[in-house]
């Protein structure tokens, strides 16, 4: 029976009821029942097993499509399905080879919901490109995807594995492994940064991959960096293509569509950009303090009311002209205008061992990887807002963290510096990391004091790096967009670049690296585009030059 809306109910309660009713409707339309088998060791009742039961119970209150059974590891069913460790949850084991080691909580709650829906549908919903590749698979693939409930990028990679296992149950098996539940497996595979994906024990992906890139990596048993679509890719005609789904791109999409401009947003990675992995955002207007991922979810939900978002697509090329042609990993766009809101990426230290131990003790995301280092010794490198915020986040997760800064004062805001001192995070002043050392994973760092000239080697289980960002301008450069001496996109006060019809907004322009600044630039650029579509400035300029 559906819950009824009470006019006196607060908006949050009304939204929750609407969501639950929509969820019931979705499950009611699924053609297949979903069997869930939980295997635990005799007497086991740890937090993960309890959480699995709690989550499953919640879903069973929504639908009678789910059939749940629990067995001990000494039961014949465990032998039948080859389960030797607990807690392990099998999903529709008569049809698929999908197991979950851990509890579907936090970010992985979304993954679990999608898994149930795919199993209930009995189909993968892969793109046609991916289905063509999967049809060519002629040998078994045993996939392992390492995830964490605190990682906003993990659901994308986990769903890639789920769709592959649903599409080819005859050849593909999948293990979803929570690094907090199974740190032993994380250590065994050096999966100290999530998400990471393996196929037949070969690393095929670090970080969230586009669907087609994941499938091609799985087929090749080698990490792929790009997927070139077939020539029959879908064509989409629009007024504006926004490249980038961070705060600037999402804001631009909202304001453009509200102005009557047909707009699409294309994002290759997780929506929200850097904000999605920021533990706490302070003083965004309306929110004295809010989780970065929570803020992103609010922005994306708002944007989806107006604009179509193409998530998990990488833009391969931009060809300027009267109509700008944009080619992605899945389709082509023909558009009158284009906005580059491609943001910025992490700056690397550039020291020996950094690249080698990336994902094996070296991390750029405390939100994603912090839980694995609980009780361990790590160094956070940097002196700005991001480094200080993430150092405190690690401290609150129970990580033994020390901040390393090359100067004698921090660049972070005073309020953050005060909070850092109150949290008791020690600081190595005037210190630079010169090398990251280890065998299979990080176990030491070599540091240099630039005042005393002394060098020391310190024990370490991990190194987190937050020393700034570099603008993502490769697409702009290839398209012929002019850059500043600092490497940012050159633009006028209305976000116009040197190429008619191409604009920029957000961190890719330089200036203040603030979320509120990026959203303002995105909306401002959208207003400029609206005006220019009515009266193209480049046509007026050409007319004046020819007069």
Protein backbone atom coordinates (compact mmCIF):
# COMPACT_ATOMS: atom_id res chain seq x y z
CA UNK A 1 0.00 0.00 0.00
CA UNK A 2 1.40 3.39 -0.94
CA UNK A 3 1.93 6.05 1.73
CA UNK A 4 -0.25 9.12 1.35
CA UNK A 5 0.91 12.71 1.32
CA UNK A 6 -0.20 14.81 4.30
CA UNK A 7 -0.57 18.55 3.44
CA UNK A 8 0.85 19.38 6.86
CA UNK A 9 3.97 17.31 6.27
CA UNK A 10 7.34 19.05 5.87
CA UNK A 11 8.93 19.02 2.39
CA UNK A 12 11.63 16.51 3.40
CA UNK A 13 8.99 14.02 4.54
CA UNK A 14 6.98 14.54 1.37
CA UNK A 15 10.05 13.94 -0.79
CA UNK A 16 10.85 10.75 1.12
CA UNK A 17 7.34 9.38 0.59
CA UNK A 18 7.49 10.26 -3.11
CA UNK A 19 10.83 8.46 -3.40
CA UNK A 20 9.57 5.35 -1.59
CA UNK A 21 6.47 5.21 -3.78
CA UNK A 22 8.62 5.55 -6.89
CA UNK A 23 10.89 2.78 -5.58
CA UNK A 24 7.90 0.47 -5.02
CA UNK A 25 6.66 1.19 -8.51
CA UNK A 26 10.09 0.40 -9.99
CA UNK A 27 10.35 -2.94 -8.19
CA UNK A 28 6.74 -3.84 -9.06
CA UNK A 29 7.66 -3.58 -12.74
CA UNK A 30 10.65 -5.91 -12.50
CA UNK A 31 9.93 -9.21 -14.26
CA UNK A 32 12.20 -11.37 -12.05
CA UNK A 33 12.47 -12.18 -8.37
CA UNK A 34 15.83 -11.47 -6.72
CA UNK A 35 17.45 -14.10 -4.49
CA UNK A 36 19.90 -12.85 -1.86
CA UNK A 37 22.02 -15.42 0.00
CA UNK A 38 24.09 -14.25 2.97
CA UNK A 39 26.93 -16.47 4.17
CA UNK A 40 28.50 -15.91 7.58
CA UNK A 41 30.93 -17.84 9.75
CA UNK A 42 29.30 -19.76 12.62
CA UNK A 43 28.70 -17.31 15.44
CA UNK A 44 29.62 -14.31 13.26
CA UNK A 45 27.59 -11.22 13.94
CA UNK A 46 29.94 -8.37 13.10
CA UNK A 47 28.92 -4.90 12.01
CA UNK A 48 29.05 -5.84 8.32
CA UNK A 49 26.73 -8.83 8.68
CA UNK A 50 24.35 -6.75 10.77
CA UNK A 51 24.38 -3.94 8.21
CA UNK A 52 23.66 -6.33 5.35
CA UNK A 53 20.64 -7.71 7.18
CA UNK A 54 19.46 -4.17 7.95
CA UNK A 55 19.75 -2.99 4.33
CA UNK A 56 18.07 -6.10 2.95
CA UNK A 57 15.28 -5.78 5.50
CA UNK A 58 14.69 -2.19 4.39
CA UNK A 59 14.37 -3.21 0.74
CA UNK A 60 12.10 -6.13 1.58
CA UNK A 61 9.70 -3.66 3.20
CA UNK A 62 9.47 -1.97 -0.20
CA UNK A 63 9.03 -5.06 -2.39
CA UNK A 64 8.21 -8.73 -2.16
CA UNK A 65 10.48 -9.42 -5.17
CA UNK A 66 13.44 -10.03 -2.81
CA UNK A 67 13.88 -13.50 -1.29
CA UNK A 68 16.51 -13.59 1.47
CA UNK A 69 18.21 -16.61 3.03
CA UNK A 70 21.17 -16.92 5.39
CA UNK A 71 23.63 -19.80 5.67
CA UNK A 72 26.73 -20.63 7.64
CA UNK A 73 30.03 -21.20 5.88
CA UNK A 74 29.77 -24.84 6.97
CA UNK A 75 26.49 -25.31 5.09
CA UNK A 76 26.31 -27.33 1.87
CA UNK A 77 25.16 -24.21 0.02
CA UNK A 78 28.48 -22.52 0.80
CA UNK A 79 30.27 -25.46 -0.81
CA UNK A 80 27.88 -25.38 -3.77
CA UNK A 81 28.67 -21.74 -4.53
CA UNK A 82 32.33 -21.84 -3.50
CA UNK A 83 31.94 -19.36 -0.62
CA UNK A 84 34.77 -19.65 1.93
CA UNK A 85 34.78 -16.26 3.68
CA UNK A 86 32.08 -14.24 5.38
CA UNK A 87 30.15 -12.13 5.35
CA UNK A 88 29.51 -12.68 1.65
CA UNK A 89 26.26 -11.79 -0.10
CA UNK A 90 25.34 -13.56 -3.34
CA UNK A 91 22.86 -11.96 -5.72
CA UNK A 92 20.58 -14.24 -7.79
CA UNK A 93 23.26 -16.98 -7.77
CA UNK A 94 21.23 -19.29 -10.00
CA UNK A 95 21.52 -16.74 -12.82
CA UNK A 96 24.66 -14.71 -12.06
CA UNK A 97 28.08 -14.98 -10.44
CA UNK A 98 27.97 -11.81 -8.34
CA UNK A 99 29.17 -11.61 -4.73
CA UNK A 100 29.49 -8.70 -2.31
CA UNK A 101 32.02 -8.74 0.53
CA UNK A 102 30.99 -5.98 2.88
CA UNK A 103 27.90 -3.93 3.60
CA UNK A 104 26.13 -1.80 0.97
CA UNK A 105 26.18 1.36 3.06
CA UNK A 106 27.07 4.98 2.31
CA UNK A 107 27.92 5.58 -1.34
CA UNK A 108 27.58 1.86 -2.01
CA UNK A 109 23.87 2.02 -1.20
CA UNK A 110 23.37 3.43 -4.70
CA UNK A 111 25.40 0.56 -6.14
CA UNK A 112 23.27 -1.99 -4.29
CA UNK A 113 20.03 -0.44 -5.55
CA UNK A 114 21.27 -0.57 -9.15
CA UNK A 115 22.42 -4.16 -8.65
CA UNK A 116 18.97 -5.20 -7.45
CA UNK A 117 17.28 -3.48 -10.38
CA UNK A 118 19.62 -5.00 -12.98
CA UNK A 119 19.16 -8.48 -11.46
CA UNK A 120 15.39 -7.98 -11.38
CA UNK A 121 15.35 -6.77 -14.97
CA UNK A 122 17.56 -9.60 -16.17
CA UNK A 123 19.42 -7.29 -18.53
CA UNK A 124 22.50 -5.10 -18.31
CA UNK A 125 21.36 -1.86 -19.99
CA UNK A 126 24.85 -1.54 -21.45
CA UNK A 127 25.28 0.82 -24.39
CA UNK A 128 25.17 -0.73 -27.85
CA UNK A 129 28.91 -0.13 -28.20
CA UNK A 130 29.58 -2.08 -24.99
CA UNK A 131 27.23 -4.90 -25.99
CA UNK A 132 29.09 -5.32 -29.27
CA UNK A 133 32.37 -5.67 -27.36
CA UNK A 134 30.87 -8.08 -24.81
CA UNK A 135 29.61 -10.28 -27.64
CA UNK A 136 33.25 -10.82 -28.65
CA UNK A 137 34.25 -12.16 -25.22
CA UNK A 138 35.32 -15.79 -25.61
CA UNK A 139 37.11 -16.60 -22.33
CA UNK A 140 36.21 -16.28 -18.61
CA UNK A 141 36.75 -13.02 -16.76
CA UNK A 142 36.91 -12.99 -12.96
CA UNK A 143 36.40 -9.36 -11.97
CA UNK A 144 37.22 -7.84 -8.59
CA UNK A 145 36.23 -4.24 -7.84
CA UNK A 146 37.56 -2.72 -4.60
CA UNK A 147 35.26 -0.05 -3.15
CA UNK A 148 34.64 2.01 -0.02
CA UNK A 149 31.36 3.42 1.37
CA UNK A 150 32.97 6.88 1.54
CA UNK A 151 34.09 6.99 -2.11
CA UNK A 152 31.78 8.88 -4.52
CA UNK A 153 33.62 7.47 -7.56
CA UNK A 154 33.21 3.82 -6.53
CA UNK A 155 29.57 3.30 -7.60
CA UNK A 156 30.42 4.10 -11.22
CA UNK A 157 33.16 1.45 -11.39
CA UNK A 158 31.13 -1.08 -9.39
CA UNK A 159 28.16 -0.70 -11.75
CA UNK A 160 30.50 -1.27 -14.70
CA UNK A 161 31.37 -4.66 -13.21
CA UNK A 162 27.73 -5.43 -12.43
CA UNK A 163 26.61 -4.70 -15.98
CA UNK A 164 29.37 -6.89 -17.42
CA UNK A 165 28.36 -9.78 -15.13
CA UNK A 166 24.68 -9.38 -16.02
CA UNK A 167 25.40 -9.17 -19.76
CA UNK A 168 27.59 -12.30 -19.93
CA UNK A 169 26.80 -14.53 -16.92
CA UNK A 170 28.26 -17.47 -18.84
CA UNK A 171 31.78 -15.98 -18.74
CA UNK A 172 31.91 -13.10 -16.25
CA UNK A 173 32.00 -13.34 -12.45
CA UNK A 174 32.16 -10.35 -10.13
CA UNK A 175 33.34 -9.75 -6.58
CA UNK A 176 32.58 -6.36 -5.02
CA UNK A 177 35.04 -5.96 -2.15
CA UNK A 178 34.67 -3.34 0.59
CA UNK A 179 38.21 -2.43 1.69
CA UNK A 180 36.98 -1.78 5.23
CA UNK A 181 35.46 -5.24 5.47
CA UNK A 182 38.34 -7.05 3.75
CA UNK A 183 41.55 -5.07 4.35
CA UNK A 184 43.45 -8.34 3.90
CA UNK A 185 42.36 -8.55 0.26
CA UNK A 186 43.06 -4.84 -0.21
CA UNK A 187 46.61 -5.46 1.04
CA UNK A 188 46.98 -8.55 -1.11
CA UNK A 189 46.08 -6.63 -4.26
CA UNK A 190 47.71 -3.35 -3.13
CA UNK A 191 44.29 -1.74 -3.51
CA UNK A 192 45.08 1.18 -1.24
CA UNK A 193 43.15 3.63 -3.39
CA UNK A 194 39.60 3.07 -4.57
CA UNK A 195 38.01 2.25 -6.84
CA UNK A 196 40.34 -0.32 -8.38
CA UNK A 197 39.28 -3.07 -10.77
CA UNK A 198 40.98 -6.35 -11.58
CA UNK A 199 40.16 -8.98 -14.21
CA UNK A 200 41.78 -12.39 -13.86
CA UNK A 201 44.02 -10.78 -11.19
CA UNK A 202 45.30 -8.17 -13.68
CA UNK A 203 44.80 -4.50 -12.79
CA UNK A 204 42.50 -3.06 -15.47
CA UNK A 205 41.45 0.22 -13.90
CA UNK A 206 42.38 2.74 -11.23
CA UNK A 207 39.61 5.20 -10.55
CA UNK A 208 36.15 5.33 -12.10
CA UNK A 209 36.21 4.45 -15.79
CA UNK A 210 33.75 5.16 -18.53
CA UNK A 211 31.62 2.14 -19.28
CA UNK A 212 33.18 1.42 -22.68
CA UNK A 213 36.73 1.94 -21.36
CA UNK A 214 36.03 -0.55 -18.56
CA UNK A 215 34.66 -3.13 -21.01
CA UNK A 216 37.58 -2.72 -23.41
CA UNK A 217 40.05 -2.96 -20.49
CA UNK A 218 38.37 -6.15 -19.30
CA UNK A 219 38.52 -7.67 -22.79
CA UNK A 220 42.18 -6.74 -23.30
CA UNK A 221 43.20 -7.64 -19.71
CA UNK A 222 45.06 -4.37 -19.73
CA UNK A 223 44.08 -0.90 -18.56
CA UNK A 224 42.84 1.19 -21.48
CA UNK A 225 42.80 4.98 -21.42
CA UNK A 226 40.43 5.76 -24.25
CA UNK A 227 37.63 4.22 -26.26
CA UNK A 228 37.06 5.17 -29.88
CA UNK A 229 33.41 4.65 -30.84
CA UNK A 230 32.25 3.13 -34.08
CA UNK A 231 31.42 5.52 -36.91
CA UNK A 232 27.66 5.04 -36.45
CA UNK A 233 27.63 6.94 -33.15
CA UNK A 234 24.42 8.81 -32.32
CA UNK A 235 24.19 12.45 -33.40
CA UNK A 236 22.73 15.04 -31.03
CA UNK A 237 21.95 18.56 -32.25
CA UNK A 238 21.73 21.29 -29.64
CA UNK A 239 22.33 24.98 -28.92
CA UNK A 240 24.96 24.55 -26.21
CA UNK A 241 27.28 21.76 -25.12
CA UNK A 242 28.78 22.23 -21.66
CA UNK A 243 31.95 20.17 -21.21
CA UNK A 244 32.32 19.49 -17.50
CA UNK A 245 29.84 18.59 -14.76
CA UNK A 246 31.35 20.50 -11.85
CA UNK A 247 29.75 23.52 -10.14
CA UNK A 248 30.48 25.82 -13.12
CA UNK A 249 29.10 23.40 -15.71
CA UNK A 250 26.00 22.47 -13.73
CA UNK A 251 25.19 26.13 -13.01
CA UNK A 252 25.66 27.01 -16.66
CA UNK A 253 23.31 24.20 -17.67
CA UNK A 254 20.59 25.42 -15.31
CA UNK A 255 20.80 29.07 -16.37
CA UNK A 256 21.09 28.27 -20.08
CA UNK A 257 18.04 26.03 -20.14
CA UNK A 258 16.03 28.54 -18.11
CA UNK A 259 16.90 31.09 -20.80
CA UNK A 260 15.45 28.84 -23.49
CA UNK A 261 18.76 27.50 -24.78
CA UNK A 262 18.70 23.78 -25.58
CA UNK A 263 21.64 22.54 -23.51
CA UNK A 264 23.47 19.31 -22.67
CA UNK A 265 26.20 18.69 -20.09
CA UNK A 266 28.93 16.13 -20.82
CA UNK A 267 31.06 14.79 -17.93
CA UNK A 268 33.64 12.01 -18.19
CA UNK A 269 34.12 11.45 -14.43
CA UNK A 270 32.03 11.83 -11.30
CA UNK A 271 29.64 14.76 -11.35
CA UNK A 272 30.70 17.60 -9.07
CA UNK A 273 34.40 17.46 -9.84
CA UNK A 274 36.67 18.20 -6.88
CA UNK A 275 33.71 19.08 -4.66
CA UNK A 276 32.54 15.44 -4.72
CA UNK A 277 35.66 14.38 -2.78
CA UNK A 278 35.83 17.38 -0.43
CA UNK A 279 34.98 16.15 3.10
CA UNK A 280 33.45 19.39 4.35
CA UNK A 281 32.48 22.58 2.50
CA UNK A 282 32.21 25.61 4.75
CA UNK A 283 30.19 28.78 4.15
CA UNK A 284 28.71 27.99 0.75
CA UNK A 285 25.76 30.43 0.79
CA UNK A 286 22.89 28.79 2.63
CA UNK A 287 25.09 26.14 4.23
CA UNK A 288 27.46 27.13 7.05
CA UNK A 289 28.85 23.60 6.77
CA UNK A 290 27.94 20.74 4.43
CA UNK A 291 29.54 17.58 3.09
CA UNK A 292 31.00 18.04 -0.38
CA UNK A 293 29.19 15.02 -1.81
CA UNK A 294 25.91 16.18 -0.25
CA UNK A 295 26.29 19.58 -1.90
CA UNK A 296 27.03 17.91 -5.23
CA UNK A 297 23.92 15.72 -4.93
CA UNK A 298 21.81 18.85 -4.35
CA UNK A 299 23.35 20.58 -7.38
CA UNK A 300 22.93 17.56 -9.67
CA UNK A 301 19.33 16.99 -8.56
CA UNK A 302 18.60 20.64 -9.33
CA UNK A 303 20.35 20.53 -12.70
CA UNK A 304 18.50 17.39 -13.79
CA UNK A 305 15.23 19.30 -13.53
CA UNK A 306 16.38 21.39 -16.49
CA UNK A 307 19.26 19.93 -18.47
CA UNK A 308 20.19 16.58 -19.98
CA UNK A 309 23.44 15.20 -18.55
CA UNK A 310 25.64 12.73 -20.42
CA UNK A 311 27.68 11.15 -17.62
CA UNK A 312 30.67 8.90 -18.20
CA UNK A 313 31.48 10.29 -21.66
CA UNK A 314 34.86 11.72 -22.54
CA UNK A 315 35.11 14.42 -25.17
CA UNK A 316 37.67 13.33 -27.75
CA UNK A 317 37.69 16.29 -30.12
CA UNK A 318 36.18 19.71 -30.76
CA UNK A 319 35.99 21.09 -34.30
CA UNK A 320 35.06 24.82 -34.42
CA UNK A 321 32.89 26.17 -37.22
CA UNK A 322 29.48 27.68 -37.90
CA UNK A 323 28.25 24.58 -36.11
CA UNK A 324 30.76 23.20 -33.61
CA UNK A 325 31.18 19.42 -33.79
CA UNK A 326 31.96 17.61 -30.55
CA UNK A 327 32.95 13.94 -30.59
CA UNK A 328 32.75 11.86 -27.40
CA UNK A 329 33.33 8.23 -26.57
CA UNK A 330 29.66 7.50 -27.29
CA UNK A 331 28.24 9.98 -29.78
CA UNK A 332 28.63 13.21 -31.74
CA UNK A 333 27.14 16.59 -30.98
CA UNK A 334 26.51 19.46 -33.35
CA UNK A 335 26.09 22.67 -31.42
CA UNK A 336 25.89 26.40 -31.97
CA UNK A 337 28.00 27.16 -28.88
CA UNK A 338 30.28 25.34 -26.46
CA UNK A 339 31.30 26.07 -22.87
CA UNK A 340 34.56 24.64 -21.51
CA UNK A 341 34.11 24.04 -17.77
CA UNK A 342 36.73 21.31 -17.57
CA UNK A 343 38.10 22.38 -14.19
CA UNK A 344 41.49 21.39 -12.87
CA UNK A 345 43.29 18.23 -11.77
CA UNK A 346 45.60 17.42 -8.88
CA UNK A 347 49.18 18.67 -9.05
CA UNK A 348 51.69 15.89 -8.47
CA UNK A 349 54.80 16.17 -6.34
CA UNK A 350 56.94 14.76 -9.12
CA UNK A 351 59.19 12.84 -6.74
CA UNK A 352 60.55 9.29 -7.09
CA UNK A 353 58.03 6.69 -5.97
CA UNK A 354 54.93 8.86 -6.40
CA UNK A 355 53.74 7.29 -9.63
CA UNK A 356 54.95 3.81 -8.70
CA UNK A 357 53.00 3.76 -5.43
CA UNK A 358 49.88 5.54 -6.69
CA UNK A 359 47.02 3.47 -5.31
CA UNK A 360 49.44 1.59 -3.08
CA UNK A 361 49.88 4.16 -0.37
CA UNK A 362 49.93 7.35 -2.43
CA UNK A 363 46.53 9.04 -2.61
CA UNK A 364 44.97 12.34 -3.67
CA UNK A 365 41.60 11.74 -1.97
CA UNK A 366 41.27 11.47 1.80
CA UNK A 367 37.51 10.97 1.48
CA UNK A 368 37.96 7.96 -0.79
CA UNK A 369 40.97 6.23 0.77
CA UNK A 370 41.16 7.48 4.37
CA UNK A 371 39.27 4.55 5.98
CA UNK A 372 41.94 2.06 4.90
CA UNK A 373 44.58 3.95 6.91
CA UNK A 374 42.79 3.95 10.27
CA UNK A 375 45.42 3.51 12.98
CA UNK A 376 48.26 3.91 10.47
CA UNK A 377 50.88 6.60 9.99
CA UNK A 378 50.43 8.92 6.99
CA UNK A 379 51.71 12.29 5.81
CA UNK A 380 49.48 14.94 4.26
CA UNK A 381 51.48 17.19 1.92
CA UNK A 382 50.35 20.78 1.41
CA UNK A 383 49.54 24.01 3.22
CA UNK A 384 46.32 25.29 1.66
CA UNK A 385 42.64 24.85 2.49
CA UNK A 386 42.41 21.43 0.83
CA UNK A 387 45.42 19.98 2.65
CA UNK A 388 44.29 21.26 6.05
CA UNK A 389 40.68 20.12 5.54
CA UNK A 390 41.73 16.65 4.43
CA UNK A 391 44.28 16.33 7.25
CA UNK A 392 41.50 16.98 9.78
CA UNK A 393 39.25 14.54 7.96
CA UNK A 394 41.93 11.83 8.27
CA UNK A 395 42.43 12.69 11.94
CA UNK A 396 38.72 12.27 12.64
CA UNK A 397 38.80 8.88 10.88
CA UNK A 398 41.40 7.66 13.36
CA UNK A 399 44.40 8.05 11.07
CA UNK A 400 47.76 9.07 12.55
CA UNK A 401 48.33 12.04 10.25
CA UNK A 402 51.13 14.63 10.11
CA UNK A 403 50.98 17.69 7.85
CA UNK A 404 54.10 18.40 5.77
CA UNK A 405 54.54 21.96 4.48
CA UNK A 406 57.51 23.47 2.68
CA UNK A 407 57.08 26.89 4.30
CA UNK A 408 56.89 28.18 7.89
CA UNK A 409 53.27 29.34 7.66
CA UNK A 410 50.14 27.79 6.19
CA UNK A 411 48.24 29.34 3.28
CA UNK A 412 44.92 28.02 4.56
CA UNK A 413 42.24 30.28 6.00
CA UNK A 414 42.82 31.22 9.63
CA UNK A 415 39.69 29.44 10.83
CA UNK A 416 40.95 26.18 9.31
CA UNK A 417 44.41 26.65 10.81
CA UNK A 418 42.79 27.12 14.21
CA UNK A 419 40.74 23.95 13.77
CA UNK A 420 43.88 22.05 12.74
CA UNK A 421 45.65 23.10 15.94
CA UNK A 422 42.62 22.16 18.04
CA UNK A 423 42.56 18.73 16.38
CA UNK A 424 46.17 18.21 17.45
CA UNK A 425 47.56 17.48 14.00
CA UNK A 426 51.38 17.87 14.10
CA UNK A 427 53.13 19.87 11.37
CA UNK A 428 56.58 19.45 9.83
CA UNK A 429 57.50 23.02 8.86
CA UNK A 430 59.94 23.95 6.09
CA UNK A 431 59.88 20.33 4.99
CA UNK A 432 59.70 18.76 1.54
CA UNK A 433 59.15 15.13 0.60
CA UNK A 434 61.96 14.11 -1.73
CA UNK A 435 61.12 10.44 -2.28
CA UNK A 436 58.42 7.91 -1.45
CA UNK A 437 59.90 4.53 -0.62
CA UNK A 438 58.71 0.95 -0.28
CA UNK A 439 58.60 -2.47 -1.91
CA UNK A 440 55.05 -3.56 -2.71
CA UNK A 441 53.57 -0.48 -1.00
CA UNK A 442 54.67 2.68 0.80
CA UNK A 443 56.63 2.14 4.00
CA UNK A 444 58.90 5.19 4.25
CA UNK A 445 59.35 8.75 3.02
CA UNK A 446 62.52 10.75 2.57
CA UNK A 447 62.12 14.32 3.81
CA UNK A 448 64.32 17.41 3.48
CA UNK A 449 64.34 20.43 5.79
CA UNK A 450 64.97 23.40 3.52
CA UNK A 451 66.13 25.56 6.46
CA UNK A 452 68.59 23.24 8.18
CA UNK A 453 69.55 21.28 5.08
CA UNK A 454 69.00 18.01 6.96
CA UNK A 455 67.57 14.89 5.30
CA UNK A 456 65.74 12.14 7.16
CA UNK A 457 63.90 8.92 6.37
CA UNK A 458 60.62 8.46 8.24
CA UNK A 459 58.31 5.48 8.58
CA UNK A 460 55.00 5.91 6.72
CA UNK A 461 52.08 3.79 5.60
CA UNK A 462 50.74 6.38 3.21
CA UNK A 463 51.21 9.78 1.60
CA UNK A 464 48.23 12.02 0.81
CA UNK A 465 48.94 14.90 -1.58
CA UNK A 466 47.00 18.18 -1.77
CA UNK A 467 49.36 20.79 -3.21
CA UNK A 468 47.08 22.44 -5.72
CA UNK A 469 45.58 21.91 -9.13
CA UNK A 470 46.56 22.32 -12.75
CA UNK A 471 43.95 23.48 -15.30
CA UNK A 472 42.52 20.81 -17.60
CA UNK A 473 43.09 22.55 -20.93
CA UNK A 474 44.11 19.80 -23.36
CA UNK A 475 40.79 19.97 -25.21
CA UNK A 476 41.00 23.77 -25.38
CA UNK A 477 44.54 23.61 -26.72
CA UNK A 478 43.62 21.07 -29.41
CA UNK A 479 40.67 23.24 -30.50
CA UNK A 480 42.92 26.29 -30.89
CA UNK A 481 41.75 28.18 -27.81
CA UNK A 482 44.38 30.64 -26.58
CA UNK A 483 45.86 30.14 -23.11
CA UNK A 484 47.42 32.54 -20.61
CA UNK A 485 51.07 32.38 -19.59
CA UNK A 486 49.97 30.45 -16.50
CA UNK A 487 48.24 27.84 -18.68
CA UNK A 488 44.61 28.84 -18.06
CA UNK A 489 42.07 29.63 -20.79
CA UNK A 490 42.37 33.20 -22.07
CA UNK A 491 38.97 34.92 -21.93
CA UNK A 492 37.35 38.32 -21.84
CA UNK A 493 35.14 39.68 -19.07
CA UNK A 494 32.14 37.83 -20.56
CA UNK A 495 33.91 34.44 -20.67
CA UNK A 496 34.43 34.54 -24.44
CA UNK A 497 37.54 32.87 -25.84
CA UNK A 498 39.36 33.77 -29.05
CA UNK A 499 37.18 31.31 -31.00
CA UNK A 500 33.64 32.51 -31.81
CA UNK A 501 31.04 30.37 -30.06
CA UNK A 502 33.46 28.84 -27.52
CA UNK A 503 33.36 30.05 -23.90
CA UNK A 504 34.94 29.12 -20.57
CA UNK A 505 34.01 29.12 -16.88
CA UNK A 506 35.26 27.84 -13.54
CA UNK A 507 38.71 26.74 -12.39
CA UNK A 508 39.91 26.37 -15.97
CA UNK A 509 39.93 30.19 -16.12
CA UNK A 510 42.20 30.59 -13.09
CA UNK A 511 41.50 33.12 -10.36
CA UNK A 512 39.86 32.18 -7.06
CA UNK A 513 39.44 28.43 -6.58
CA UNK A 514 36.09 28.68 -4.79
CA UNK A 515 32.86 26.78 -5.42
CA UNK A 516 30.77 29.92 -5.22
CA UNK A 517 33.06 31.61 -7.77
CA UNK A 518 32.70 28.69 -10.18
CA UNK A 519 28.91 28.69 -9.94
CA UNK A 520 28.84 32.44 -10.54
CA UNK A 521 31.08 32.12 -13.58
CA UNK A 522 28.96 29.30 -14.98
CA UNK A 523 25.74 31.29 -14.70
CA UNK A 524 27.43 34.43 -16.07
CA UNK A 525 28.76 32.52 -19.07
CA UNK A 526 25.28 31.11 -19.74
CA UNK A 527 23.84 34.65 -19.79
CA UNK A 528 26.52 35.74 -22.24
CA UNK A 529 25.78 32.77 -24.50
CA UNK A 530 22.07 33.62 -24.43
CA UNK A 531 22.82 37.19 -25.54
CA UNK A 532 25.31 36.08 -28.20
CA UNK A 533 22.90 33.58 -29.75
CA UNK A 534 20.47 36.45 -30.25
CA UNK A 535 23.13 38.86 -31.52
CA UNK A 536 26.33 36.99 -32.41
CA UNK A 537 29.16 39.39 -31.59
CA UNK A 538 31.47 37.75 -34.14
CA UNK A 539 29.10 38.58 -37.01
CA UNK A 540 28.88 42.21 -35.92
CA UNK A 541 32.68 42.32 -35.66
CA UNK A 542 33.08 40.86 -39.14
CA UNK A 543 30.60 43.38 -40.56
CA UNK A 544 32.53 46.27 -39.00
CA UNK A 545 35.86 44.97 -40.31
CA UNK A 546 34.49 44.65 -43.86
CA UNK A 547 32.87 48.10 -43.81
